[in-house]
Each structure stands twice: as C-alpha cells, then as structure tokens.
Amino acid sequence: MAFSAQYTPKPVTDIFTPKDTCINRRELKRTVPMKVLILGLGRTGTSSLREAMRQLGYEDTYHMMSCSIENPPDALLWRDAFAAKFDNGPAFTRKDWDQLLGHCMAICDWPAVAFAEELIEAYPEAKVILTTRDVDSWHASTMKTVYWRVMDPELRWLQYFSWAAGLYYPMLKKFFDEFFKGDFPNQGKRIFVEHYDHVRSLVPKDRLLEFSIKDGWDPLCNFLEVPIPSEKFPHVNDNNDFIARSQRRNRNQMKNVAFRYACIFLLALATWFVMSFLMKVYGNYIQVDLVPFFGSSVSSL
C-alpha cells in the first residue's frame, strides 16, 4: 500500500503548531509551471536561495521546510518516491511529481536532491541550478544541523506520539539511509562530489548554473533572465538558527502531545462522572432493564 494512502488530517489538539497545514496533495494537480530545479545539496545556501526565488516571483520554491514545518503530510508522498526508487515500489511518475510539487515553480534542498535524475526527466524544460560550497565546510555544517536532527533523540521519540513528527522523521531517516548510505559522517563528502558530477553529466551547460550564495543577484538573475532586485541578496538559516528552530519545534510538538493526552484524560474523567451520576439516579431502572440479558448479577454493578 502506498504511504500516501495513510494520510490523516491534523489533530484538532495540535494547537501549539498552528501554522502546520494538512493538505493531501494526492488530491491536487499542477497549477503553475515548474521552471527551476535547484539540485545542490542542503546546507549550500538553499534556504537563502528559496527566499531569493520568492523575491524574484517564483511562487513557491519547494524546500525541506515545506515538509518538515509547513505541510507534514508531504512526507508520505516523498516516501512513495523513495519506495519507487529504492524498494521496487510502484513507479513515481510525472503525474505524482505534479501532485506533490504542482503548486511550485521551483524546488531545492533535500529530499529532492535524491531524485535529481527523475526530476530532470520529468521537467526537461526546467533550468537547473547547482548551489555550491566547499565540501569540508558543507560537511561540518551538515553534521551540526541536519545530521544532528536525524540523530536527535527528542525527534526520534516524538515520531511515536506526534502527528507531524510521525510523518516527517521516517522520511528524513529514509533519505539519509539511502542517499548517504546510512553513514553520513564517513560517506558524506564522497557522495557530495559524486552527486555534483552526476548532475553536471545530466544537464547541458546552457541549462545549468553553478551558483554560490556569495555571488549575489547578478549571475542568478542573468541565468533566469529576470531583472535584478534593488534589495540585498537574502541570507537566512545559519547553524544557530537551525538548532534553535528545531528545538522550539520539538517543544511545541511535545505540548501538542501533552494537550492531546490531557484532553483524553479529561474526556474519560467526564464520562466516568456522567456514568456515575446516571447510575445513581437511574440505577434501579438500568438494573431492571439489564436483568434479562445479564441475569441477577447485574445488581452487583
């Protein structure tokens, strides 16, 4: 069974993460053209580039945050895509990509980078950008942020109790297990180099831009053939911000879990009080009505 068939709406008790949406993208289709595939690995400035693309009019640019903190059910479709590529699951076709990404004019970050070849095949008309960074600096940053998130004991615990974490964490773990062979600390740098070489081999040079965030607006806007904004190029999501945001997310999800169980407890308690009251007021009638079914032992209730 497809993972996306396991879709469930957001619990009404998840009041501490009010911005989380629960869109079932299996019910959607493409509404805007896919124009740009940003296939550099995460932690190469993809969050900054997402904001830059927004300022250039590309609504929206899909990013890991689109799934992790914006619409968690997206993780189910990503798991369908992983199953198709790595586990001999049903094919993940252009129609599937359009359901998942149909509201986006661009895509970046992980887990999309695990599907570079598939996305280039699905959207041959799209331009391709490779965000670049020194591999040693990239590896150190990822170890402190996203890999830390993969190993985060709070998130691993929350997946069993939290609606959003239960959707997101299995997908995140699957990505690291497959793309980085389950050994990011030792395999990450090699796979980084191989990934970039592979993308270069797939895309004609006239459709490919290798871009560093430090380069600013000029090469990006020239490649996309759009006017250069007057604002400074955005810079967001440094290491400290990532960790603080992740820890804040954990706390809010823990509050959701605690509130849900508190509601269950209070509902059970209220039910017990109501039943106790009804037994006191109508106990004799209830006993008489139940005797034919349960015998005289009901009087001991």
C-alpha atoms as a PDB file:
ATOM      1  CA  MET A   1       0.000   0.000   0.000  1.00  0.00           C
ATOM      2  CA  ALA A   2       1.262   3.461  -0.887  1.00  0.00           C
ATOM      3  CA  PHE A   3       2.394   5.541   2.061  1.00  0.00           C
ATOM      4  CA  SER A   4       0.237   8.411   0.828  1.00  0.00           C
ATOM      5  CA  ALA A   5      -2.837   6.222   1.380  1.00  0.00           C
ATOM      6  CA  GLN A   6      -2.066   6.522   5.098  1.00  0.00           C
ATOM      7  CA  TYR A   7      -2.914  10.244   5.092  1.00  0.00           C
ATOM      8  CA  THR A   8      -4.636  11.506   8.228  1.00  0.00           C
ATOM      9  CA  PRO A   9      -5.688  15.103   8.935  1.00  0.00           C
ATOM     10  CA  LYS A  10      -4.037  17.220  11.570  1.00  0.00           C
ATOM     11  CA  PRO A  11      -5.434  16.527  15.063  1.00  0.00           C
ATOM     12  CA  VAL A  12      -7.588  19.324  16.438  1.00  0.00           C
ATOM     13  CA  THR A  13      -5.467  19.154  19.608  1.00  0.00           C
ATOM     14  CA  ASP A  14      -2.302  20.289  17.766  1.00  0.00           C
ATOM     15  CA  ILE A  15      -2.834  23.855  18.911  1.00  0.00           C
ATOM     16  CA  PHE A  16       0.830  24.683  19.539  1.00  0.00           C
ATOM     17  CA  THR A  17       1.785  24.345  15.868  1.00  0.00           C
ATOM     18  CA  PRO A  18      -0.994  26.452  14.322  1.00  0.00           C
ATOM     19  CA  LYS A  19       0.853  27.113  11.047  1.00  0.00           C
ATOM     20  CA  ASP A  20       1.120  23.405  10.174  1.00  0.00           C
ATOM     21  CA  THR A  21      -1.236  22.569   7.330  1.00  0.00           C
ATOM     22  CA  CYS A  22      -2.628  19.147   6.423  1.00  0.00           C
ATOM     23  CA  ILE A  23      -3.071  19.358   2.656  1.00  0.00           C
ATOM     24  CA  ASN A  24      -3.474  15.984   0.957  1.00  0.00           C
ATOM     25  CA  ARG A  25      -1.539  16.614  -2.223  1.00  0.00           C
ATOM     26  CA  ARG A  26      -2.798  13.381  -3.776  1.00  0.00           C
ATOM     27  CA  GLU A  27      -5.968  15.368  -4.449  1.00  0.00           C
ATOM     28  CA  LEU A  28      -4.117  18.129  -6.327  1.00  0.00           C
ATOM     29  CA  LYS A  29      -2.516  18.706  -9.720  1.00  0.00           C
ATOM     30  CA  ARG A  30      -0.110  21.189 -11.250  1.00  0.00           C
ATOM     31  CA  THR A  31      -1.274  24.792 -11.176  1.00  0.00           C
ATOM     32  CA  VAL A  32       1.961  26.619 -12.112  1.00  0.00           C
ATOM     33  CA  PRO A  33       4.832  25.578 -14.404  1.00  0.00           C
ATOM     34  CA  MET A  34       7.981  24.020 -12.938  1.00  0.00           C
ATOM     35  CA  LYS A  35      10.702  26.379 -14.122  1.00  0.00           C
ATOM     36  CA  VAL A  36      13.807  25.756 -11.993  1.00  0.00           C
ATOM     37  CA  LEU A  37      15.350  22.668 -10.393  1.00  0.00           C
ATOM     38  CA  ILE A  38      17.850  23.654  -7.702  1.00  0.00           C
ATOM     39  CA  LEU A  39      19.774  20.431  -7.175  1.00  0.00           C
ATOM     40  CA  GLY A  40      22.670  21.422  -4.936  1.00  0.00           C
ATOM     41  CA  LEU A  41      22.665  19.653  -1.593  1.00  0.00           C
ATOM     42  CA  GLY A  42      21.101  21.155   1.512  1.00  0.00           C
ATOM     43  CA  ARG A  43      23.322  23.437   3.613  1.00  0.00           C
ATOM     44  CA  THR A  44      24.688  25.104   0.462  1.00  0.00           C
ATOM     45  CA  GLY A  45      22.514  28.195   0.827  1.00  0.00           C
ATOM     46  CA  THR A  46      19.225  26.650  -0.279  1.00  0.00           C
ATOM     47  CA  SER A  47      17.134  28.498   2.317  1.00  0.00           C
ATOM     48  CA  SER A  48      18.604  31.816   1.214  1.00  0.00           C
ATOM     49  CA  LEU A  49      18.039  30.902  -2.417  1.00  0.00           C
ATOM     50  CA  ARG A  50      14.441  29.937  -1.678  1.00  0.00           C
ATOM     51  CA  GLU A  51      13.848  33.422  -0.301  1.00  0.00           C
ATOM     52  CA  ALA A  52      15.684  34.938  -3.258  1.00  0.00           C
ATOM     53  CA  MET A  53      13.487  33.000  -5.675  1.00  0.00           C
ATOM     54  CA  ARG A  54      10.409  34.274  -3.846  1.00  0.00           C
ATOM     55  CA  GLN A  55      11.608  37.834  -4.296  1.00  0.00           C
ATOM     56  CA  LEU A  56      12.076  37.118  -8.000  1.00  0.00           C
ATOM     57  CA  GLY A  57       8.470  35.981  -8.300  1.00  0.00           C
ATOM     58  CA  TYR A  58       8.890  32.210  -8.209  1.00  0.00           C
ATOM     59  CA  GLU A  59       5.990  31.046  -6.052  1.00  0.00           C
ATOM     60  CA  ASP A  60       6.663  28.706  -4.404  1.00  0.00           C
ATOM     61  CA  THR A  61      10.094  27.069  -4.208  1.00  0.00           C
ATOM     62  CA  TYR A  62       9.802  23.675  -2.536  1.00  0.00           C
ATOM     63  CA  HIS A  63      12.279  23.101   0.301  1.00  0.00           C
ATOM     64  CA  MET A  64      12.675  20.543   3.073  1.00  0.00           C
ATOM     65  CA  MET A  65      10.903  23.036   5.334  1.00  0.00           C
ATOM     66  CA  SER A  66       7.873  22.704   3.044  1.00  0.00           C
ATOM     67  CA  CYS A  67       7.515  19.244   4.535  1.00  0.00           C
ATOM     68  CA  SER A  68       9.133  19.494   7.951  1.00  0.00           C
ATOM     69  CA  ILE A  69       7.330  22.568   9.315  1.00  0.00           C
ATOM     70  CA  GLU A  70       4.755  23.644   6.710  1.00  0.00           C
ATOM     71  CA  ASN A  71       2.767  20.653   5.381  1.00  0.00           C
ATOM     72  CA  PRO A  72       3.924  17.437   7.114  1.00  0.00           C
ATOM     73  CA  PRO A  73       1.702  15.057   5.055  1.00  0.00           C
ATOM     74  CA  ASP A  74       4.010  15.753   2.096  1.00  0.00           C
ATOM     75  CA  ALA A  75       6.381  13.275   3.747  1.00  0.00           C
ATOM     76  CA  LEU A  76       4.059  10.436   2.743  1.00  0.00           C
ATOM     77  CA  LEU A  77       4.431  11.229  -0.963  1.00  0.00           C
ATOM     78  CA  TRP A  78       8.192  11.537  -0.561  1.00  0.00           C
ATOM     79  CA  ARG A  79       8.177   8.068   0.988  1.00  0.00           C
ATOM     80  CA  ASP A  80       6.254   6.828  -2.059  1.00  0.00           C
ATOM     81  CA  ALA A  81       9.009   8.323  -4.224  1.00  0.00           C
ATOM     82  CA  PHE A  82      11.697   6.622  -2.123  1.00  0.00           C
ATOM     83  CA  ALA A  83       9.842   3.318  -2.341  1.00  0.00           C
ATOM     84  CA  ALA A  84       9.707   3.622  -6.126  1.00  0.00           C
ATOM     85  CA  LYS A  85      13.427   4.342  -6.438  1.00  0.00           C
ATOM     86  CA  PHE A  86      14.953   2.161  -3.755  1.00  0.00           C
ATOM     87  CA  ASP A  87      12.414  -0.525  -2.794  1.00  0.00           C
ATOM     88  CA  ASN A  88      10.868  -1.627  -6.108  1.00  0.00           C
ATOM     89  CA  GLY A  89       7.628   0.137  -5.285  1.00  0.00           C
ATOM     90  CA  PRO A  90       5.108   1.474  -7.835  1.00  0.00           C
ATOM     91  CA  ALA A  91       6.611   3.946 -10.298  1.00  0.00           C
ATOM     92  CA  PHE A  92       6.580   7.601  -9.261  1.00  0.00           C
ATOM     93  CA  THR A  93       5.620   9.370 -12.467  1.00  0.00           C
ATOM     94  CA  ARG A  94       5.273  12.937 -13.756  1.00  0.00           C
ATOM     95  CA  LYS A  95       1.665  12.836 -12.518  1.00  0.00           C
ATOM     96  CA  ASP A  96       2.902  12.025  -8.996  1.00  0.00           C
ATOM     97  CA  TRP A  97       5.503  14.795  -9.077  1.00  0.00           C
ATOM     98  CA  ASP A  98       2.831  17.238 -10.241  1.00  0.00           C
ATOM     99  CA  GLN A  99       0.624  16.266  -7.310  1.00  0.00           C
ATOM    100  CA  LEU A 100       3.447  16.782  -4.817  1.00  0.00           C
ATOM    101  CA  LEU A 101       5.026  19.840  -6.425  1.00  0.00           C
ATOM    102  CA  GLY A 102       2.222  21.265  -8.543  1.00  0.00           C
ATOM    103  CA  HIS A 103       1.996  24.472  -6.527  1.00  0.00           C
ATOM    104  CA  CYS A 104       5.708  25.189  -7.016  1.00  0.00           C
ATOM    105  CA  MET A 105       7.681  26.897  -9.775  1.00  0.00           C
ATOM    106  CA  ALA A 106      11.000  25.673  -8.363  1.00  0.00           C
ATOM    107  CA  ILE A 107      12.381  23.061  -5.995  1.00  0.00           C
ATOM    108  CA  CYS A 108      15.507  22.843  -3.862  1.00  0.00           C
ATOM    109  CA  ASP A 109      17.160  21.137  -0.890  1.00  0.00           C
ATOM    110  CA  TRP A 110      16.683  17.595   0.332  1.00  0.00           C
ATOM    111  CA  PRO A 111      14.954  15.217  -0.146  1.00  0.00           C
ATOM    112  CA  ALA A 112      14.563  16.472  -3.738  1.00  0.00           C
ATOM    113  CA  VAL A 113      18.289  16.069  -4.455  1.00  0.00           C
ATOM    114  CA  ALA A 114      17.908  12.292  -4.115  1.00  0.00           C
ATOM    115  CA  PHE A 115      15.741  12.463  -7.252  1.00  0.00           C
ATOM    116  CA  ALA A 116      17.864  14.696  -9.458  1.00  0.00           C
ATOM    117  CA  GLU A 117      17.701  12.352 -12.420  1.00  0.00           C
ATOM    118  CA  GLU A 118      13.973  11.742 -12.055  1.00  0.00           C
ATOM    119  CA  LEU A 119      13.157  15.449 -11.740  1.00  0.00           C
ATOM    120  CA  ILE A 120      15.286  16.379 -14.763  1.00  0.00           C
ATOM    121  CA  GLU A 121      13.467  13.701 -16.757  1.00  0.00           C
ATOM    122  CA  ALA A 122      10.047  14.812 -15.504  1.00  0.00           C
ATOM    123  CA  TYR A 123      10.710  18.502 -16.212  1.00  0.00           C
ATOM    124  CA  PRO A 124      13.088  18.655 -19.190  1.00  0.00           C
ATOM    125  CA  GLU A 125      12.122  22.274 -19.881  1.00  0.00           C
ATOM    126  CA  ALA A 126      13.279  23.468 -16.429  1.00  0.00           C
ATOM    127  CA  LYS A 127      16.589  25.215 -15.884  1.00  0.00           C
ATOM    128  CA  VAL A 128      18.952  23.650 -13.338  1.00  0.00           C
ATOM    129  CA  ILE A 129      20.956  25.378 -10.614  1.00  0.00           C
ATOM    130  CA  LEU A 130      23.693  23.719  -8.555  1.00  0.00           C
ATOM    131  CA  THR A 131      24.283  25.615  -5.328  1.00  0.00           C
ATOM    132  CA  THR A 132      27.932  25.109  -4.417  1.00  0.00           C
ATOM    133  CA  ARG A 133      30.041  25.223  -1.273  1.00  0.00           C
ATOM    134  CA  ASP A 134      33.419  23.989  -0.086  1.00  0.00           C
ATOM    135  CA  VAL A 135      32.871  20.316   0.701  1.00  0.00           C
ATOM    136  CA  ASP A 136      34.636  20.422   4.087  1.00  0.00           C
ATOM    137  CA  SER A 137      32.659  23.463   5.224  1.00  0.00           C
ATOM    138  CA  TRP A 138      29.447  21.859   3.944  1.00  0.00           C
ATOM    139  CA  HIS A 139      30.107  18.586   5.769  1.00  0.00           C
ATOM    140  CA  ALA A 140      30.875  20.350   9.059  1.00  0.00           C
ATOM    141  CA  SER A 141      27.702  22.450   8.775  1.00  0.00           C
ATOM    142  CA  THR A 142      25.518  19.455   7.973  1.00  0.00           C
ATOM    143  CA  MET A 143      26.961  17.450  10.867  1.00  0.00           C
ATOM    144  CA  LYS A 144      25.954  20.250  13.236  1.00  0.00           C
ATOM    145  CA  THR A 145      22.471  20.723  11.786  1.00  0.00           C
ATOM    146  CA  VAL A 146      20.575  18.237   9.619  1.00  0.00           C
ATOM    147  CA  TYR A 147      22.548  15.160  10.682  1.00  0.00           C
ATOM    148  CA  TRP A 148      22.133  16.301  14.277  1.00  0.00           C
ATOM    149  CA  ARG A 149      18.395  16.405  13.529  1.00  0.00           C
ATOM    150  CA  VAL A 150      18.464  12.849  12.188  1.00  0.00           C
ATOM    151  CA  MET A 151      20.069  11.690  15.426  1.00  0.00           C
ATOM    152  CA  ASP A 152      18.021  13.977  17.701  1.00  0.00           C
ATOM    153  CA  PRO A 153      16.645  11.702  20.479  1.00  0.00           C
ATOM    154  CA  GLU A 154      13.705  14.033  21.095  1.00  0.00           C
ATOM    155  CA  LEU A 155      12.556  13.881  17.485  1.00  0.00           C
ATOM    156  CA  ARG A 156      13.080  10.113  17.368  1.00  0.00           C
ATOM    157  CA  TRP A 157      10.862   9.776  20.464  1.00  0.00           C
ATOM    158  CA  LEU A 158       8.274  12.222  19.179  1.00  0.00           C
ATOM    159  CA  GLN A 159       7.684  10.217  15.998  1.00  0.00           C
ATOM    160  CA  TYR A 160       5.706   7.694  18.062  1.00  0.00           C
ATOM    161  CA  PHE A 161       3.371  10.278  19.597  1.00  0.00           C
ATOM    162  CA  SER A 162       3.297  13.426  17.454  1.00  0.00           C
ATOM    163  CA  TRP A 163       1.242  13.615  14.249  1.00  0.00           C
ATOM    164  CA  ALA A 164       3.765  15.848  12.457  1.00  0.00           C
ATOM    165  CA  ALA A 165       6.929  14.152  13.737  1.00  0.00           C
ATOM    166  CA  GLY A 166       5.442  10.753  12.934  1.00  0.00           C
ATOM    167  CA  LEU A 167       5.107  11.850   9.315  1.00  0.00           C
ATOM    168  CA  TYR A 168       8.384  13.719   8.967  1.00  0.00           C
ATOM    169  CA  TYR A 169      11.017  11.712  10.820  1.00  0.00           C
ATOM    170  CA  PRO A 170      10.656   8.372   8.955  1.00  0.00           C
ATOM    171  CA  MET A 171      11.075  10.230   5.661  1.00  0.00           C
ATOM    172  CA  LEU A 172      14.116  12.152   6.925  1.00  0.00           C
ATOM    173  CA  LYS A 173      15.716   8.929   8.178  1.00  0.00           C
ATOM    174  CA  LYS A 174      14.973   7.171   4.891  1.00  0.00           C
ATOM    175  CA  PHE A 175      16.654   9.963   2.960  1.00  0.00           C
ATOM    176  CA  PHE A 176      19.871   9.757   4.962  1.00  0.00           C
ATOM    177  CA  ASP A 177      19.865   5.958   4.911  1.00  0.00           C
ATOM    178  CA  GLU A 178      19.505   5.797   1.134  1.00  0.00           C
ATOM    179  CA  PHE A 179      21.235   8.899  -0.210  1.00  0.00           C
ATOM    180  CA  PHE A 180      24.162   8.816   2.222  1.00  0.00           C
ATOM    181  CA  LYS A 181      24.228   5.005   2.527  1.00  0.00           C
ATOM    182  CA  GLY A 182      23.366   5.184   6.221  1.00  0.00           C
ATOM    183  CA  ASP A 183      26.802   6.633   7.062  1.00  0.00           C
ATOM    184  CA  PHE A 184      26.829  10.385   6.558  1.00  0.00           C
ATOM    185  CA  PRO A 185      29.888  11.066   8.792  1.00  0.00           C
ATOM    186  CA  ASN A 186      32.123   8.855   6.641  1.00  0.00           C
ATOM    187  CA  GLN A 187      30.376   8.815   3.264  1.00  0.00           C
ATOM    188  CA  GLY A 188      29.012  12.352   3.065  1.00  0.00           C
ATOM    189  CA  LYS A 189      31.952  14.074   1.378  1.00  0.00           C
ATOM    190  CA  ARG A 190      32.365  11.393  -1.274  1.00  0.00           C
ATOM    191  CA  ILE A 191      28.654  11.398  -2.096  1.00  0.00           C
ATOM    192  CA  PHE A 192      28.654  15.213  -2.258  1.00  0.00           C
ATOM    193  CA  VAL A 193      31.328  15.119  -5.001  1.00  0.00           C
ATOM    194  CA  GLU A 194      29.632  12.245  -6.852  1.00  0.00           C
ATOM    195  CA  HIS A 195      26.261  13.987  -6.774  1.00  0.00           C
ATOM    196  CA  TYR A 196      27.591  17.194  -8.282  1.00  0.00           C
ATOM    197  CA  ASP A 197      29.466  15.312 -11.007  1.00  0.00           C
ATOM    198  CA  HIS A 198      26.335  13.302 -11.773  1.00  0.00           C
ATOM    199  CA  VAL A 199      24.122  16.378 -12.157  1.00  0.00           C
ATOM    200  CA  ARG A 200      26.722  18.024 -14.403  1.00  0.00           C
ATOM    201  CA  SER A 201      26.623  14.943 -16.624  1.00  0.00           C
ATOM    202  CA  LEU A 202      22.836  15.130 -16.966  1.00  0.00           C
ATOM    203  CA  VAL A 203      22.335  18.781 -17.881  1.00  0.00           C
ATOM    204  CA  PRO A 204      23.535  20.723 -20.951  1.00  0.00           C
ATOM    205  CA  LYS A 205      25.760  23.619 -19.979  1.00  0.00           C
ATOM    206  CA  ASP A 206      23.338  26.200 -21.357  1.00  0.00           C
ATOM    207  CA  ARG A 207      20.664  24.992 -18.881  1.00  0.00           C
ATOM    208  CA  LEU A 208      22.989  24.731 -15.871  1.00  0.00           C
ATOM    209  CA  LEU A 209      24.188  27.403 -13.430  1.00  0.00           C
ATOM    210  CA  GLU A 210      26.705  26.617 -10.715  1.00  0.00           C
ATOM    211  CA  PHE A 211      25.958  29.201  -8.099  1.00  0.00           C
ATOM    212  CA  SER A 212      27.394  30.264  -4.760  1.00  0.00           C
ATOM    213  CA  ILE A 213      25.261  32.374  -2.448  1.00  0.00           C
ATOM    214  CA  LYS A 214      28.242  34.702  -2.172  1.00  0.00           C
ATOM    215  CA  ASP A 215      27.805  35.543  -5.875  1.00  0.00           C
ATOM    216  CA  GLY A 216      24.655  37.540  -5.170  1.00  0.00           C
ATOM    217  CA  TRP A 217      21.961  38.541  -7.633  1.00  0.00           C
ATOM    218  CA  ASP A 218      23.866  39.114 -10.883  1.00  0.00           C
ATOM    219  CA  PRO A 219      24.636  35.554 -12.106  1.00  0.00           C
ATOM    220  CA  LEU A 220      21.322  34.232 -10.823  1.00  0.00           C
ATOM    221  CA  CYS A 221      19.195  36.894 -12.490  1.00  0.00           C
ATOM    222  CA  ASN A 222      21.186  36.726 -15.732  1.00  0.00           C
ATOM    223  CA  PHE A 223      20.673  32.956 -15.863  1.00  0.00           C
ATOM    224  CA  LEU A 224      16.947  33.211 -15.136  1.00  0.00           C
ATOM    225  CA  GLU A 225      16.580  36.257 -17.413  1.00  0.00           C
ATOM    226  CA  VAL A 226      14.821  38.369 -14.814  1.00  0.00           C
ATOM    227  CA  PRO A 227      15.502  41.916 -13.545  1.00  0.00           C
ATOM    228  CA  ILE A 228      17.968  42.355 -10.679  1.00  0.00           C
ATOM    229  CA  PRO A 229      16.177  43.464  -7.466  1.00  0.00           C
ATOM    230  CA  SER A 230      17.257  46.556  -5.588  1.00  0.00           C
ATOM    231  CA  GLU A 231      17.214  44.696  -2.240  1.00  0.00           C
ATOM    232  CA  LYS A 232      20.261  42.933  -0.858  1.00  0.00           C
ATOM    233  CA  PHE A 233      20.530  39.211  -1.541  1.00  0.00           C
ATOM    234  CA  PRO A 234      18.922  37.361   1.409  1.00  0.00           C
ATOM    235  CA  HIS A 235      20.956  35.296   3.877  1.00  0.00           C
ATOM    236  CA  VAL A 236      18.964  33.033   6.230  1.00  0.00           C
ATOM    237  CA  ASN A 237      19.125  29.775   8.211  1.00  0.00           C
ATOM    238  CA  ASP A 238      22.582  29.692   9.778  1.00  0.00           C
ATOM    239  CA  ASN A 239      23.615  26.851  12.114  1.00  0.00           C
ATOM    240  CA  ASN A 240      22.406  28.519  15.314  1.00  0.00           C
ATOM    241  CA  ASP A 241      19.043  29.403  13.788  1.00  0.00           C
ATOM    242  CA  PHE A 242      18.547  25.822  12.585  1.00  0.00           C
ATOM    243  CA  ILE A 243      19.162  24.288  16.002  1.00  0.00           C
ATOM    244  CA  ALA A 244      17.079  26.858  17.872  1.00  0.00           C
ATOM    245  CA  ARG A 245      14.188  26.423  15.432  1.00  0.00           C
ATOM    246  CA  SER A 246      14.380  22.623  15.687  1.00  0.00           C
ATOM    247  CA  GLN A 247      14.390  22.666  19.472  1.00  0.00           C
ATOM    248  CA  ARG A 248      11.456  25.070  19.508  1.00  0.00           C
ATOM    249  CA  ARG A 249       9.636  22.743  17.127  1.00  0.00           C
ATOM    250  CA  ASN A 250      10.264  19.811  19.477  1.00  0.00           C
ATOM    251  CA  ARG A 251       8.871  21.714  22.443  1.00  0.00           C
ATOM    252  CA  ASN A 252       5.726  22.719  20.588  1.00  0.00           C
ATOM    253  CA  GLN A 253       5.153  19.159  19.421  1.00  0.00           C
ATOM    254  CA  MET A 254       5.622  17.911  22.985  1.00  0.00           C
ATOM    255  CA  LYS A 255       2.998  20.421  24.104  1.00  0.00           C
ATOM    256  CA  ASN A 256       0.657  19.090  21.405  1.00  0.00           C
ATOM    257  CA  VAL A 257       1.138  15.551  22.688  1.00  0.00           C
ATOM    258  CA  ALA A 258       0.631  16.569  26.310  1.00  0.00           C
ATOM    259  CA  PHE A 259      -2.509  18.545  25.438  1.00  0.00           C
ATOM    260  CA  ARG A 260      -3.963  15.638  23.446  1.00  0.00           C
ATOM    261  CA  TYR A 261      -3.488  13.185  26.313  1.00  0.00           C
ATOM    262  CA  ALA A 262      -4.833  15.743  28.787  1.00  0.00           C
ATOM    263  CA  CYS A 263      -7.955  16.064  26.641  1.00  0.00           C
ATOM    264  CA  ILE A 264      -8.335  12.278  26.516  1.00  0.00           C
ATOM    265  CA  PHE A 265      -7.938  12.040  30.285  1.00  0.00           C
ATOM    266  CA  LEU A 266     -10.458  14.822  30.930  1.00  0.00           C
ATOM    267  CA  LEU A 267     -12.930  13.295  28.496  1.00  0.00           C
ATOM    268  CA  ALA A 268     -12.578   9.906  30.194  1.00  0.00           C
ATOM    269  CA  LEU A 269     -12.984  11.537  33.607  1.00  0.00           C
ATOM    270  CA  ALA A 270     -16.067  13.447  32.475  1.00  0.00           C
ATOM    271  CA  THR A 271     -17.537  10.251  31.042  1.00  0.00           C
ATOM    272  CA  TRP A 272     -16.939   8.456  34.329  1.00  0.00           C
ATOM    273  CA  PHE A 273     -18.666  11.234  36.290  1.00  0.00           C
ATOM    274  CA  VAL A 274     -21.656  11.239  33.946  1.00  0.00           C
ATOM    275  CA  MET A 275     -21.987   7.464  34.079  1.00  0.00           C
ATOM    276  CA  SER A 276     -21.671   7.510  37.858  1.00  0.00           C
ATOM    277  CA  PHE A 277     -24.375  10.146  38.090  1.00  0.00           C
ATOM    278  CA  LEU A 278     -26.689   8.203  35.773  1.00  0.00           C
ATOM    279  CA  MET A 279     -26.157   5.016  37.772  1.00  0.00           C
ATOM    280  CA  LYS A 280     -27.100   6.795  40.994  1.00  0.00           C
ATOM    281  CA  VAL A 281     -30.190   8.436  39.528  1.00  0.00           C
ATOM    282  CA  TYR A 282     -31.379   5.684  37.226  1.00  0.00           C
ATOM    283  CA  GLY A 283     -29.566   2.690  38.663  1.00  0.00           C
ATOM    284  CA  ASN A 284     -32.698   0.722  39.581  1.00  0.00           C
ATOM    285  CA  TYR A 285     -34.174   1.174  36.123  1.00  0.00           C
ATOM    286  CA  ILE A 286     -30.915   0.199  34.458  1.00  0.00           C
ATOM    287  CA  GLN A 287     -30.657  -2.934  36.585  1.00  0.00           C
ATOM    288  CA  VAL A 288     -34.234  -3.984  35.767  1.00  0.00           C
ATOM    289  CA  ASP A 289     -33.643  -3.460  32.056  1.00  0.00           C
ATOM    290  CA  LEU A 290     -30.398  -5.443  32.063  1.00  0.00           C
ATOM    291  CA  VAL A 291     -31.532  -8.448  34.135  1.00  0.00           C
ATOM    292  CA  PRO A 292     -32.990 -10.307  31.117  1.00  0.00           C
ATOM    293  CA  PHE A 293     -29.621 -10.022  29.370  1.00  0.00           C
ATOM    294  CA  PHE A 294     -27.089 -10.493  32.168  1.00  0.00           C
ATOM    295  CA  GLY A 295     -29.044 -12.110  34.988  1.00  0.00           C
ATOM    296  CA  SER A 296     -29.283 -11.060  38.600  1.00  0.00           C
ATOM    297  CA  SER A 297     -25.514 -10.460  38.790  1.00  0.00           C
ATOM    298  CA  VAL A 298     -26.110  -7.017  37.286  1.00  0.00           C
ATOM    299  CA  SER A 299     -27.321  -5.873  40.666  1.00  0.00           C
ATOM    300  CA  SER A 300     -23.768  -6.031  41.901  1.00  0.00           C
ATOM    301  CA  LEU A 301     -22.668  -3.359  39.416  1.00  0.00           C
END
